[in-house]
mmCIF file of all heavy atoms, coordinates in Angstrom:
data_MODEL
# 
_entry.id   MODEL 
# 
loop_
_atom_site.group_PDB 
_atom_site.id 
_atom_site.type_symbol 
_atom_site.label_atom_id 
_atom_site.label_alt_id 
_atom_site.label_comp_id 
_atom_site.label_asym_id 
_atom_site.label_entity_id 
_atom_site.label_seq_id 
_atom_site.pdbx_PDB_ins_code 
_atom_site.Cartn_x 
_atom_site.Cartn_y 
_atom_site.Cartn_z 
_atom_site.occupancy 
_atom_site.B_iso_or_equiv 
_atom_site.pdbx_formal_charge 
_atom_site.auth_seq_id 
_atom_site.auth_comp_id 
_atom_site.auth_asym_id 
_atom_site.auth_atom_id 
_atom_site.pdbx_PDB_model_num 
ATOM 1   N N   . ILE A 1 1  ? 0.858  -1.187 0.000   1.00 0.00 ? 1  ILE A N   1 
ATOM 2   C CA  . ILE A 1 1  ? 0.000  0.000  0.000   1.00 0.00 ? 1  ILE A CA  1 
ATOM 3   C C   . ILE A 1 1  ? 0.890  1.231  0.000   1.00 0.00 ? 1  ILE A C   1 
ATOM 4   O O   . ILE A 1 1  ? 1.753  1.389  0.867   1.00 0.00 ? 1  ILE A O   1 
ATOM 5   C CB  . ILE A 1 1  ? -0.934 0.032  1.227   1.00 0.00 ? 1  ILE A CB  1 
ATOM 6   C CG1 . ILE A 1 1  ? -1.793 -1.226 1.284   1.00 0.00 ? 1  ILE A CG1 1 
ATOM 7   C CG2 . ILE A 1 1  ? -1.813 1.278  1.197   1.00 0.00 ? 1  ILE A CG2 1 
ATOM 8   C CD1 . ILE A 1 1  ? -2.685 -1.289 2.512   1.00 0.00 ? 1  ILE A CD1 1 
ATOM 9   N N   . GLU A 1 2  ? 0.691  2.098  -0.989  1.00 0.00 ? 2  GLU A N   1 
ATOM 10  C CA  . GLU A 1 2  ? 1.453  3.343  -1.074  1.00 0.00 ? 2  GLU A CA  1 
ATOM 11  C C   . GLU A 1 2  ? 0.496  4.525  -1.196  1.00 0.00 ? 2  GLU A C   1 
ATOM 12  O O   . GLU A 1 2  ? -0.514 4.449  -1.896  1.00 0.00 ? 2  GLU A O   1 
ATOM 13  C CB  . GLU A 1 2  ? 2.399  3.334  -2.263  1.00 0.00 ? 2  GLU A CB  1 
ATOM 14  C CG  . GLU A 1 2  ? 3.663  2.529  -2.047  1.00 0.00 ? 2  GLU A CG  1 
ATOM 15  C CD  . GLU A 1 2  ? 4.710  2.805  -3.110  1.00 0.00 ? 2  GLU A CD  1 
ATOM 16  O OE1 . GLU A 1 2  ? 4.352  3.346  -4.172  1.00 0.00 ? 2  GLU A OE1 1 
ATOM 17  O OE2 . GLU A 1 2  ? 5.882  2.491  -2.865  1.00 0.00 ? 2  GLU A OE2 1 
ATOM 18  N N   . VAL A 1 3  ? 0.842  5.607  -0.506  1.00 0.00 ? 3  VAL A N   1 
ATOM 19  C CA  . VAL A 1 3  ? 0.075  6.851  -0.586  1.00 0.00 ? 3  VAL A CA  1 
ATOM 20  C C   . VAL A 1 3  ? 0.866  7.821  -1.453  1.00 0.00 ? 3  VAL A C   1 
ATOM 21  O O   . VAL A 1 3  ? 2.032  8.122  -1.161  1.00 0.00 ? 3  VAL A O   1 
ATOM 22  C CB  . VAL A 1 3  ? -0.167 7.445  0.806   1.00 0.00 ? 3  VAL A CB  1 
ATOM 23  C CG1 . VAL A 1 3  ? -1.005 8.726  0.703   1.00 0.00 ? 3  VAL A CG1 1 
ATOM 24  C CG2 . VAL A 1 3  ? -0.867 6.433  1.712   1.00 0.00 ? 3  VAL A CG2 1 
ATOM 25  N N   . ARG A 1 4  ? 0.222  8.304  -2.503  1.00 0.00 ? 4  ARG A N   1 
ATOM 26  C CA  . ARG A 1 4  ? 0.866  9.262  -3.424  1.00 0.00 ? 4  ARG A CA  1 
ATOM 27  C C   . ARG A 1 4  ? 0.031  10.539 -3.453  1.00 0.00 ? 4  ARG A C   1 
ATOM 28  O O   . ARG A 1 4  ? -1.129 10.506 -3.852  1.00 0.00 ? 4  ARG A O   1 
ATOM 29  C CB  . ARG A 1 4  ? 0.987  8.660  -4.820  1.00 0.00 ? 4  ARG A CB  1 
ATOM 30  C CG  . ARG A 1 4  ? 1.836  7.390  -4.857  1.00 0.00 ? 4  ARG A CG  1 
ATOM 31  C CD  . ARG A 1 4  ? 1.855  6.765  -6.250  1.00 0.00 ? 4  ARG A CD  1 
ATOM 32  N NE  . ARG A 1 4  ? 2.653  5.554  -6.278  1.00 0.00 ? 4  ARG A NE  1 
ATOM 33  C CZ  . ARG A 1 4  ? 3.965  5.523  -6.524  1.00 0.00 ? 4  ARG A CZ  1 
ATOM 34  N NH1 . ARG A 1 4  ? 4.607  6.660  -6.792  1.00 0.00 ? 4  ARG A NH1 1 
ATOM 35  N NH2 . ARG A 1 4  ? 4.626  4.386  -6.516  1.00 0.00 ? 4  ARG A NH2 1 
ATOM 36  N N   . LEU A 1 5  ? 0.628  11.635 -3.020  1.00 0.00 ? 5  LEU A N   1 
ATOM 37  C CA  . LEU A 1 5  ? -0.096 12.889 -2.885  1.00 0.00 ? 5  LEU A CA  1 
ATOM 38  C C   . LEU A 1 5  ? 0.581  14.015 -3.660  1.00 0.00 ? 5  LEU A C   1 
ATOM 39  O O   . LEU A 1 5  ? 1.817  14.089 -3.738  1.00 0.00 ? 5  LEU A O   1 
ATOM 40  C CB  . LEU A 1 5  ? -0.202 13.295 -1.414  1.00 0.00 ? 5  LEU A CB  1 
ATOM 41  C CG  . LEU A 1 5  ? -1.032 12.388 -0.499  1.00 0.00 ? 5  LEU A CG  1 
ATOM 42  C CD1 . LEU A 1 5  ? -0.953 12.881 0.935   1.00 0.00 ? 5  LEU A CD1 1 
ATOM 43  C CD2 . LEU A 1 5  ? -2.474 12.319 -0.974  1.00 0.00 ? 5  LEU A CD2 1 
ATOM 44  N N   . LEU A 1 6  ? -0.249 14.899 -4.201  1.00 0.00 ? 6  LEU A N   1 
ATOM 45  C CA  . LEU A 1 6  ? 0.199  16.125 -4.849  1.00 0.00 ? 6  LEU A CA  1 
ATOM 46  C C   . LEU A 1 6  ? -0.294 17.306 -4.035  1.00 0.00 ? 6  LEU A C   1 
ATOM 47  O O   . LEU A 1 6  ? -1.484 17.403 -3.718  1.00 0.00 ? 6  LEU A O   1 
ATOM 48  C CB  . LEU A 1 6  ? -0.369 16.208 -6.272  1.00 0.00 ? 6  LEU A CB  1 
ATOM 49  C CG  . LEU A 1 6  ? -0.130 17.525 -7.030  1.00 0.00 ? 6  LEU A CG  1 
ATOM 50  C CD1 . LEU A 1 6  ? 1.350  17.704 -7.359  1.00 0.00 ? 6  LEU A CD1 1 
ATOM 51  C CD2 . LEU A 1 6  ? -0.985 17.579 -8.294  1.00 0.00 ? 6  LEU A CD2 1 
ATOM 52  N N   . ASN A 1 7  ? 0.622  18.198 -3.661  1.00 0.00 ? 7  ASN A N   1 
ATOM 53  C CA  . ASN A 1 7  ? 0.261  19.438 -2.991  1.00 0.00 ? 7  ASN A CA  1 
ATOM 54  C C   . ASN A 1 7  ? -0.007 20.494 -4.060  1.00 0.00 ? 7  ASN A C   1 
ATOM 55  O O   . ASN A 1 7  ? 0.915  20.959 -4.736  1.00 0.00 ? 7  ASN A O   1 
ATOM 56  C CB  . ASN A 1 7  ? 1.395  19.893 -2.070  1.00 0.00 ? 7  ASN A CB  1 
ATOM 57  C CG  . ASN A 1 7  ? 1.071  21.200 -1.363  1.00 0.00 ? 7  ASN A CG  1 
ATOM 58  O OD1 . ASN A 1 7  ? -0.065 21.636 -1.330  1.00 0.00 ? 7  ASN A OD1 1 
ATOM 59  N ND2 . ASN A 1 7  ? 2.097  21.826 -0.799  1.00 0.00 ? 7  ASN A ND2 1 
ATOM 60  N N   . THR A 1 8  ? -1.283 20.848 -4.235  1.00 0.00 ? 8  THR A N   1 
ATOM 61  C CA  . THR A 1 8  ? -1.649 21.802 -5.284  1.00 0.00 ? 8  THR A CA  1 
ATOM 62  C C   . THR A 1 8  ? -1.559 23.249 -4.826  1.00 0.00 ? 8  THR A C   1 
ATOM 63  O O   . THR A 1 8  ? -1.867 24.156 -5.605  1.00 0.00 ? 8  THR A O   1 
ATOM 64  C CB  . THR A 1 8  ? -3.075 21.518 -5.785  1.00 0.00 ? 8  THR A CB  1 
ATOM 65  O OG1 . THR A 1 8  ? -4.005 21.685 -4.704  1.00 0.00 ? 8  THR A OG1 1 
ATOM 66  C CG2 . THR A 1 8  ? -3.187 20.102 -6.334  1.00 0.00 ? 8  THR A CG2 1 
ATOM 67  N N   . HIS A 1 9  ? -1.161 23.470 -3.563  1.00 0.00 ? 9  HIS A N   1 
ATOM 68  C CA  . HIS A 1 9  ? -0.916 24.837 -3.102  1.00 0.00 ? 9  HIS A CA  1 
ATOM 69  C C   . HIS A 1 9  ? 0.478  24.890 -2.486  1.00 0.00 ? 9  HIS A C   1 
ATOM 70  O O   . HIS A 1 9  ? 0.654  24.755 -1.277  1.00 0.00 ? 9  HIS A O   1 
ATOM 71  C CB  . HIS A 1 9  ? -1.958 25.284 -2.081  1.00 0.00 ? 9  HIS A CB  1 
ATOM 72  C CG  . HIS A 1 9  ? -1.789 26.712 -1.665  1.00 0.00 ? 9  HIS A CG  1 
ATOM 73  N ND1 . HIS A 1 9  ? -1.169 27.081 -0.496  1.00 0.00 ? 9  HIS A ND1 1 
ATOM 74  C CD2 . HIS A 1 9  ? -2.125 27.869 -2.275  1.00 0.00 ? 9  HIS A CD2 1 
ATOM 75  C CE1 . HIS A 1 9  ? -1.148 28.390 -0.391  1.00 0.00 ? 9  HIS A CE1 1 
ATOM 76  N NE2 . HIS A 1 9  ? -1.722 28.903 -1.464  1.00 0.00 ? 9  HIS A NE2 1 
ATOM 77  N N   . ALA A 1 10 ? 1.466  25.048 -3.366  1.00 0.00 ? 10 ALA A N   1 
ATOM 78  C CA  . ALA A 1 10 ? 2.868  25.146 -2.958  1.00 0.00 ? 10 ALA A CA  1 
ATOM 79  C C   . ALA A 1 10 ? 3.426  26.447 -3.526  1.00 0.00 ? 10 ALA A C   1 
ATOM 80  O O   . ALA A 1 10 ? 4.079  26.457 -4.581  1.00 0.00 ? 10 ALA A O   1 
ATOM 81  C CB  . ALA A 1 10 ? 3.660  23.938 -3.466  1.00 0.00 ? 10 ALA A CB  1 
ATOM 82  N N   . PRO A 1 11 ? 3.174  27.588 -2.869  1.00 0.00 ? 11 PRO A N   1 
ATOM 83  C CA  . PRO A 1 11 ? 3.539  28.890 -3.444  1.00 0.00 ? 11 PRO A CA  1 
ATOM 84  C C   . PRO A 1 11 ? 5.034  29.108 -3.606  1.00 0.00 ? 11 PRO A C   1 
ATOM 85  O O   . PRO A 1 11 ? 5.448  30.046 -4.297  1.00 0.00 ? 11 PRO A O   1 
ATOM 86  C CB  . PRO A 1 11 ? 2.934  29.886 -2.440  1.00 0.00 ? 11 PRO A CB  1 
ATOM 87  C CG  . PRO A 1 11 ? 2.802  29.119 -1.168  1.00 0.00 ? 11 PRO A CG  1 
ATOM 88  C CD  . PRO A 1 11 ? 2.522  27.708 -1.559  1.00 0.00 ? 11 PRO A CD  1 
ATOM 89  N N   . GLN A 1 12 ? 5.869  28.245 -3.008  1.00 0.00 ? 12 GLN A N   1 
ATOM 90  C CA  . GLN A 1 12 ? 7.316  28.396 -3.154  1.00 0.00 ? 12 GLN A CA  1 
ATOM 91  C C   . GLN A 1 12 ? 7.816  27.924 -4.515  1.00 0.00 ? 12 GLN A C   1 
ATOM 92  O O   . GLN A 1 12 ? 8.982  28.154 -4.862  1.00 0.00 ? 12 GLN A O   1 
ATOM 93  C CB  . GLN A 1 12 ? 8.055  27.641 -2.043  1.00 0.00 ? 12 GLN A CB  1 
ATOM 94  C CG  . GLN A 1 12 ? 7.911  26.126 -2.070  1.00 0.00 ? 12 GLN A CG  1 
ATOM 95  C CD  . GLN A 1 12 ? 6.755  25.615 -1.245  1.00 0.00 ? 12 GLN A CD  1 
ATOM 96  O OE1 . GLN A 1 12 ? 5.714  26.256 -1.178  1.00 0.00 ? 12 GLN A OE1 1 
ATOM 97  N NE2 . GLN A 1 12 ? 6.942  24.480 -0.596  1.00 0.00 ? 12 GLN A NE2 1 
ATOM 98  N N   . TYR A 1 13 ? 6.944  27.269 -5.299  1.00 0.00 ? 13 TYR A N   1 
ATOM 99  C CA  . TYR A 1 13 ? 7.328  26.782 -6.623  1.00 0.00 ? 13 TYR A CA  1 
ATOM 100 C C   . TYR A 1 13 ? 6.581  27.558 -7.704  1.00 0.00 ? 13 TYR A C   1 
ATOM 101 O O   . TYR A 1 13 ? 5.436  27.979 -7.499  1.00 0.00 ? 13 TYR A O   1 
ATOM 102 C CB  . TYR A 1 13 ? 7.024  25.287 -6.753  1.00 0.00 ? 13 TYR A CB  1 
ATOM 103 C CG  . TYR A 1 13 ? 7.825  24.438 -5.791  1.00 0.00 ? 13 TYR A CG  1 
ATOM 104 C CD1 . TYR A 1 13 ? 7.241  23.916 -4.643  1.00 0.00 ? 13 TYR A CD1 1 
ATOM 105 C CD2 . TYR A 1 13 ? 9.175  24.196 -6.012  1.00 0.00 ? 13 TYR A CD2 1 
ATOM 106 C CE1 . TYR A 1 13 ? 7.971  23.161 -3.748  1.00 0.00 ? 13 TYR A CE1 1 
ATOM 107 C CE2 . TYR A 1 13 ? 9.923  23.444 -5.120  1.00 0.00 ? 13 TYR A CE2 1 
ATOM 108 C CZ  . TYR A 1 13 ? 9.318  22.923 -3.987  1.00 0.00 ? 13 TYR A CZ  1 
ATOM 109 O OH  . TYR A 1 13 ? 10.041 22.184 -3.096  1.00 0.00 ? 13 TYR A OH  1 
ATOM 110 N N   . SER A 1 14 ? 7.218  27.709 -8.836  1.00 0.00 ? 14 SER A N   1 
ATOM 111 C CA  . SER A 1 14 ? 6.625  28.509 -9.911  1.00 0.00 ? 14 SER A CA  1 
ATOM 112 C C   . SER A 1 14 ? 5.319  27.910 -10.414 1.00 0.00 ? 14 SER A C   1 
ATOM 113 O O   . SER A 1 14 ? 4.422  28.624 -10.844 1.00 0.00 ? 14 SER A O   1 
ATOM 114 C CB  . SER A 1 14 ? 7.615  28.651 -11.070 1.00 0.00 ? 14 SER A CB  1 
ATOM 115 O OG  . SER A 1 14 ? 7.982  27.378 -11.574 1.00 0.00 ? 14 SER A OG  1 
ATOM 116 N N   . GLY A 1 15 ? 5.210  26.579 -10.366 1.00 0.00 ? 15 GLY A N   1 
ATOM 117 C CA  . GLY A 1 15 ? 3.979  25.943 -10.804 1.00 0.00 ? 15 GLY A CA  1 
ATOM 118 C C   . GLY A 1 15 ? 2.946  25.776 -9.718  1.00 0.00 ? 15 GLY A C   1 
ATOM 119 O O   . GLY A 1 15 ? 1.859  25.236 -9.958  1.00 0.00 ? 15 GLY A O   1 
ATOM 120 N N   . ASP A 1 16 ? 3.262  26.235 -8.501  1.00 0.00 ? 16 ASP A N   1 
ATOM 121 C CA  . ASP A 1 16 ? 2.348  26.164 -7.355  1.00 0.00 ? 16 ASP A CA  1 
ATOM 122 C C   . ASP A 1 16 ? 1.941  24.742 -6.995  1.00 0.00 ? 16 ASP A C   1 
ATOM 123 O O   . ASP A 1 16 ? 0.895  24.535 -6.366  1.00 0.00 ? 16 ASP A O   1 
ATOM 124 C CB  . ASP A 1 16 ? 1.087  26.995 -7.600  1.00 0.00 ? 16 ASP A CB  1 
ATOM 125 C CG  . ASP A 1 16 ? 1.359  28.487 -7.513  1.00 0.00 ? 16 ASP A CG  1 
ATOM 126 O OD1 . ASP A 1 16 ? 2.371  28.855 -6.898  1.00 0.00 ? 16 ASP A OD1 1 
ATOM 127 O OD2 . ASP A 1 16 ? 0.584  29.268 -8.074  1.00 0.00 ? 16 ASP A OD2 1 
ATOM 128 N N   . ALA A 1 17 ? 2.722  23.742 -7.370  1.00 0.00 ? 17 ALA A N   1 
ATOM 129 C CA  . ALA A 1 17 ? 2.379  22.353 -7.051  1.00 0.00 ? 17 ALA A CA  1 
ATOM 130 C C   . ALA A 1 17 ? 3.650  21.551 -6.817  1.00 0.00 ? 17 ALA A C   1 
ATOM 131 O O   . ALA A 1 17 ? 4.709  21.841 -7.392  1.00 0.00 ? 17 ALA A O   1 
ATOM 132 C CB  . ALA A 1 17 ? 1.553  21.728 -8.165  1.00 0.00 ? 17 ALA A CB  1 
ATOM 133 N N   . GLU A 1 18 ? 3.540  20.534 -5.951  1.00 0.00 ? 18 GLU A N   1 
ATOM 134 C CA  . GLU A 1 18 ? 4.688  19.684 -5.644  1.00 0.00 ? 18 GLU A CA  1 
ATOM 135 C C   . GLU A 1 18 ? 4.185  18.304 -5.238  1.00 0.00 ? 18 GLU A C   1 
ATOM 136 O O   . GLU A 1 18 ? 3.253  18.168 -4.440  1.00 0.00 ? 18 GLU A O   1 
ATOM 137 C CB  . GLU A 1 18 ? 5.512  20.272 -4.506  1.00 0.00 ? 18 GLU A CB  1 
ATOM 138 C CG  . GLU A 1 18 ? 6.701  19.403 -4.104  1.00 0.00 ? 18 GLU A CG  1 
ATOM 139 C CD  . GLU A 1 18 ? 7.315  19.834 -2.782  1.00 0.00 ? 18 GLU A CD  1 
ATOM 140 O OE1 . GLU A 1 18 ? 6.610  20.476 -1.984  1.00 0.00 ? 18 GLU A OE1 1 
ATOM 141 O OE2 . GLU A 1 18 ? 8.497  19.494 -2.549  1.00 0.00 ? 18 GLU A OE2 1 
ATOM 142 N N   . TYR A 1 19 ? 4.822  17.255 -5.788  1.00 0.00 ? 19 TYR A N   1 
ATOM 143 C CA  . TYR A 1 19 ? 4.515  15.897 -5.368  1.00 0.00 ? 19 TYR A CA  1 
ATOM 144 C C   . TYR A 1 19 ? 5.249  15.566 -4.079  1.00 0.00 ? 19 TYR A C   1 
ATOM 145 O O   . TYR A 1 19 ? 6.436  15.878 -3.926  1.00 0.00 ? 19 TYR A O   1 
ATOM 146 C CB  . TYR A 1 19 ? 4.911  14.897 -6.450  1.00 0.00 ? 19 TYR A CB  1 
ATOM 147 C CG  . TYR A 1 19 ? 3.924  14.817 -7.595  1.00 0.00 ? 19 TYR A CG  1 
ATOM 148 C CD1 . TYR A 1 19 ? 4.146  15.521 -8.772  1.00 0.00 ? 19 TYR A CD1 1 
ATOM 149 C CD2 . TYR A 1 19 ? 2.766  14.048 -7.489  1.00 0.00 ? 19 TYR A CD2 1 
ATOM 150 C CE1 . TYR A 1 19 ? 3.243  15.455 -9.829  1.00 0.00 ? 19 TYR A CE1 1 
ATOM 151 C CE2 . TYR A 1 19 ? 1.859  13.978 -8.539  1.00 0.00 ? 19 TYR A CE2 1 
ATOM 152 C CZ  . TYR A 1 19 ? 2.104  14.681 -9.692  1.00 0.00 ? 19 TYR A CZ  1 
ATOM 153 O OH  . TYR A 1 19 ? 1.207  14.615 -10.737 1.00 0.00 ? 19 TYR A OH  1 
ATOM 154 N N   . LEU A 1 20 ? 4.552  14.937 -3.151  1.00 0.00 ? 20 LEU A N   1 
ATOM 155 C CA  . LEU A 1 20 ? 5.199  14.412 -1.956  1.00 0.00 ? 20 LEU A CA  1 
ATOM 156 C C   . LEU A 1 20 ? 5.857  13.082 -2.285  1.00 0.00 ? 20 LEU A C   1 
ATOM 157 O O   . LEU A 1 20 ? 5.396  12.368 -3.190  1.00 0.00 ? 20 LEU A O   1 
ATOM 158 C CB  . LEU A 1 20 ? 4.175  14.195 -0.836  1.00 0.00 ? 20 LEU A CB  1 
ATOM 159 C CG  . LEU A 1 20 ? 3.769  15.403 0.012   1.00 0.00 ? 20 LEU A CG  1 
ATOM 160 C CD1 . LEU A 1 20 ? 3.063  16.462 -0.827  1.00 0.00 ? 20 LEU A CD1 1 
ATOM 161 C CD2 . LEU A 1 20 ? 2.883  14.954 1.169   1.00 0.00 ? 20 LEU A CD2 1 
ATOM 162 N N   . PRO A 1 21 ? 6.917  12.697 -1.588  1.00 0.00 ? 21 PRO A N   1 
ATOM 163 C CA  . PRO A 1 21 ? 7.500  11.371 -1.812  1.00 0.00 ? 21 PRO A CA  1 
ATOM 164 C C   . PRO A 1 21 ? 6.457  10.288 -1.529  1.00 0.00 ? 21 PRO A C   1 
ATOM 165 O O   . PRO A 1 21 ? 5.668  10.417 -0.587  1.00 0.00 ? 21 PRO A O   1 
ATOM 166 C CB  . PRO A 1 21 ? 8.659  11.311 -0.807  1.00 0.00 ? 21 PRO A CB  1 
ATOM 167 C CG  . PRO A 1 21 ? 8.960  12.733 -0.475  1.00 0.00 ? 21 PRO A CG  1 
ATOM 168 C CD  . PRO A 1 21 ? 7.665  13.470 -0.571  1.00 0.00 ? 21 PRO A CD  1 
ATOM 169 N N   . PRO A 1 22 ? 6.424  9.206  -2.318  1.00 0.00 ? 22 PRO A N   1 
ATOM 170 C CA  . PRO A 1 22 ? 5.481  8.115  -2.023  1.00 0.00 ? 22 PRO A CA  1 
ATOM 171 C C   . PRO A 1 22 ? 5.687  7.581  -0.612  1.00 0.00 ? 22 PRO A C   1 
ATOM 172 O O   . PRO A 1 22 ? 6.819  7.431  -0.148  1.00 0.00 ? 22 PRO A O   1 
ATOM 173 C CB  . PRO A 1 22 ? 5.829  7.068  -3.085  1.00 0.00 ? 22 PRO A CB  1 
ATOM 174 C CG  . PRO A 1 22 ? 6.475  7.831  -4.191  1.00 0.00 ? 22 PRO A CG  1 
ATOM 175 C CD  . PRO A 1 22 ? 7.221  8.954  -3.525  1.00 0.00 ? 22 PRO A CD  1 
ATOM 176 N N   . HIS A 1 23 ? 4.598  7.296  0.050   1.00 0.00 ? 23 HIS A N   1 
ATOM 177 C CA  . HIS A 1 23 ? 4.642  6.833  1.438   1.00 0.00 ? 23 HIS A CA  1 
ATOM 178 C C   . HIS A 1 23 ? 4.189  5.382  1.501   1.00 0.00 ? 23 HIS A C   1 
ATOM 179 O O   . HIS A 1 23 ? 3.089  5.042  1.087   1.00 0.00 ? 23 HIS A O   1 
ATOM 180 C CB  . HIS A 1 23 ? 3.750  7.698  2.320   1.00 0.00 ? 23 HIS A CB  1 
ATOM 181 C CG  . HIS A 1 23 ? 3.662  7.227  3.745   1.00 0.00 ? 23 HIS A CG  1 
ATOM 182 N ND1 . HIS A 1 23 ? 4.619  7.533  4.687   1.00 0.00 ? 23 HIS A ND1 1 
ATOM 183 C CD2 . HIS A 1 23 ? 2.748  6.453  4.373   1.00 0.00 ? 23 HIS A CD2 1 
ATOM 184 C CE1 . HIS A 1 23 ? 4.284  6.985  5.838   1.00 0.00 ? 23 HIS A CE1 1 
ATOM 185 N NE2 . HIS A 1 23 ? 3.158  6.313  5.680   1.00 0.00 ? 23 HIS A NE2 1 
ATOM 186 N N   . LYS A 1 24 ? 5.049  4.517  2.030   1.00 0.00 ? 24 LYS A N   1 
ATOM 187 C CA  . LYS A 1 24 ? 4.754  3.094  2.168   1.00 0.00 ? 24 LYS A CA  1 
ATOM 188 C C   . LYS A 1 24 ? 4.020  2.850  3.478   1.00 0.00 ? 24 LYS A C   1 
ATOM 189 O O   . LYS A 1 24 ? 4.453  3.300  4.546   1.00 0.00 ? 24 LYS A O   1 
ATOM 190 C CB  . LYS A 1 24 ? 6.055  2.295  2.148   1.00 0.00 ? 24 LYS A CB  1 
ATOM 191 C CG  . LYS A 1 24 ? 5.874  0.791  2.234   1.00 0.00 ? 24 LYS A CG  1 
ATOM 192 C CD  . LYS A 1 24 ? 5.497  0.195  0.902   1.00 0.00 ? 24 LYS A CD  1 
ATOM 193 C CE  . LYS A 1 24 ? 5.560  -1.327 0.950   1.00 0.00 ? 24 LYS A CE  1 
ATOM 194 N NZ  . LYS A 1 24 ? 5.201  -1.928 -0.341  1.00 0.00 ? 24 LYS A NZ  1 
ATOM 195 N N   . VAL A 1 25 ? 2.900  2.093  3.410   1.00 0.00 ? 25 VAL A N   1 
ATOM 196 C CA  . VAL A 1 25 ? 2.075  1.809  4.576   1.00 0.00 ? 25 VAL A CA  1 
ATOM 197 C C   . VAL A 1 25 ? 2.333  0.391  5.052   1.00 0.00 ? 25 VAL A C   1 
ATOM 198 O O   . VAL A 1 25 ? 2.310  -0.558 4.263   1.00 0.00 ? 25 VAL A O   1 
ATOM 199 C CB  . VAL A 1 25 ? 0.581  1.974  4.247   1.00 0.00 ? 25 VAL A CB  1 
ATOM 200 C CG1 . VAL A 1 25 ? -0.294 1.630  5.459   1.00 0.00 ? 25 VAL A CG1 1 
ATOM 201 C CG2 . VAL A 1 25 ? 0.296  3.392  3.775   1.00 0.00 ? 25 VAL A CG2 1 
ATOM 202 N N   . ALA A 1 26 ? 2.588  0.230  6.356   1.00 0.00 ? 26 ALA A N   1 
ATOM 203 C CA  . ALA A 1 26 ? 2.683  -1.107 6.931   1.00 0.00 ? 26 ALA A CA  1 
ATOM 204 C C   . ALA A 1 26 ? 1.290  -1.717 6.979   1.00 0.00 ? 26 ALA A C   1 
ATOM 205 O O   . ALA A 1 26 ? 0.324  -1.045 7.340   1.00 0.00 ? 26 ALA A O   1 
ATOM 206 C CB  . ALA A 1 26 ? 3.281  -1.041 8.336   1.00 0.00 ? 26 ALA A CB  1 
ATOM 207 N N   . THR A 1 27 ? 1.158  -3.001 6.624   1.00 0.00 ? 27 THR A N   1 
ATOM 208 C CA  . THR A 1 27 ? -0.163 -3.619 6.496   1.00 0.00 ? 27 THR A CA  1 
ATOM 209 C C   . THR A 1 27 ? -0.594 -4.396 7.729   1.00 0.00 ? 27 THR A C   1 
ATOM 210 O O   . THR A 1 27 ? -1.630 -5.045 7.724   1.00 0.00 ? 27 THR A O   1 
ATOM 211 C CB  . THR A 1 27 ? -0.199 -4.550 5.273   1.00 0.00 ? 27 THR A CB  1 
ATOM 212 O OG1 . THR A 1 27 ? 0.877  -5.488 5.358   1.00 0.00 ? 27 THR A OG1 1 
ATOM 213 C CG2 . THR A 1 27 ? -0.085 -3.754 3.989   1.00 0.00 ? 27 THR A CG2 1 
ATOM 214 N N   . GLU A 1 28 ? 0.164  -4.354 8.817   1.00 0.00 ? 28 GLU A N   1 
ATOM 215 C CA  . GLU A 1 28 ? -0.297 -4.957 10.063  1.00 0.00 ? 28 GLU A CA  1 
ATOM 216 C C   . GLU A 1 28 ? -1.439 -4.117 10.610  1.00 0.00 ? 28 GLU A C   1 
ATOM 217 O O   . GLU A 1 28 ? -1.326 -2.904 10.775  1.00 0.00 ? 28 GLU A O   1 
ATOM 218 C CB  . GLU A 1 28 ? 0.840  -5.004 11.087  1.00 0.00 ? 28 GLU A CB  1 
ATOM 219 C CG  . GLU A 1 28 ? 0.416  -5.604 12.420  1.00 0.00 ? 28 GLU A CG  1 
ATOM 220 C CD  . GLU A 1 28 ? 1.537  -5.573 13.433  1.00 0.00 ? 28 GLU A CD  1 
ATOM 221 O OE1 . GLU A 1 28 ? 2.662  -5.185 13.050  1.00 0.00 ? 28 GLU A OE1 1 
ATOM 222 O OE2 . GLU A 1 28 ? 1.309  -5.914 14.595  1.00 0.00 ? 28 GLU A OE2 1 
# 
């Protein structure tokens, strides 16, 4: 299970968007 998120309000970047690193979920 991986969580993949895009931050669509990232004013520090010219495109105002930034992908977060994929997050691995433990399945226990």
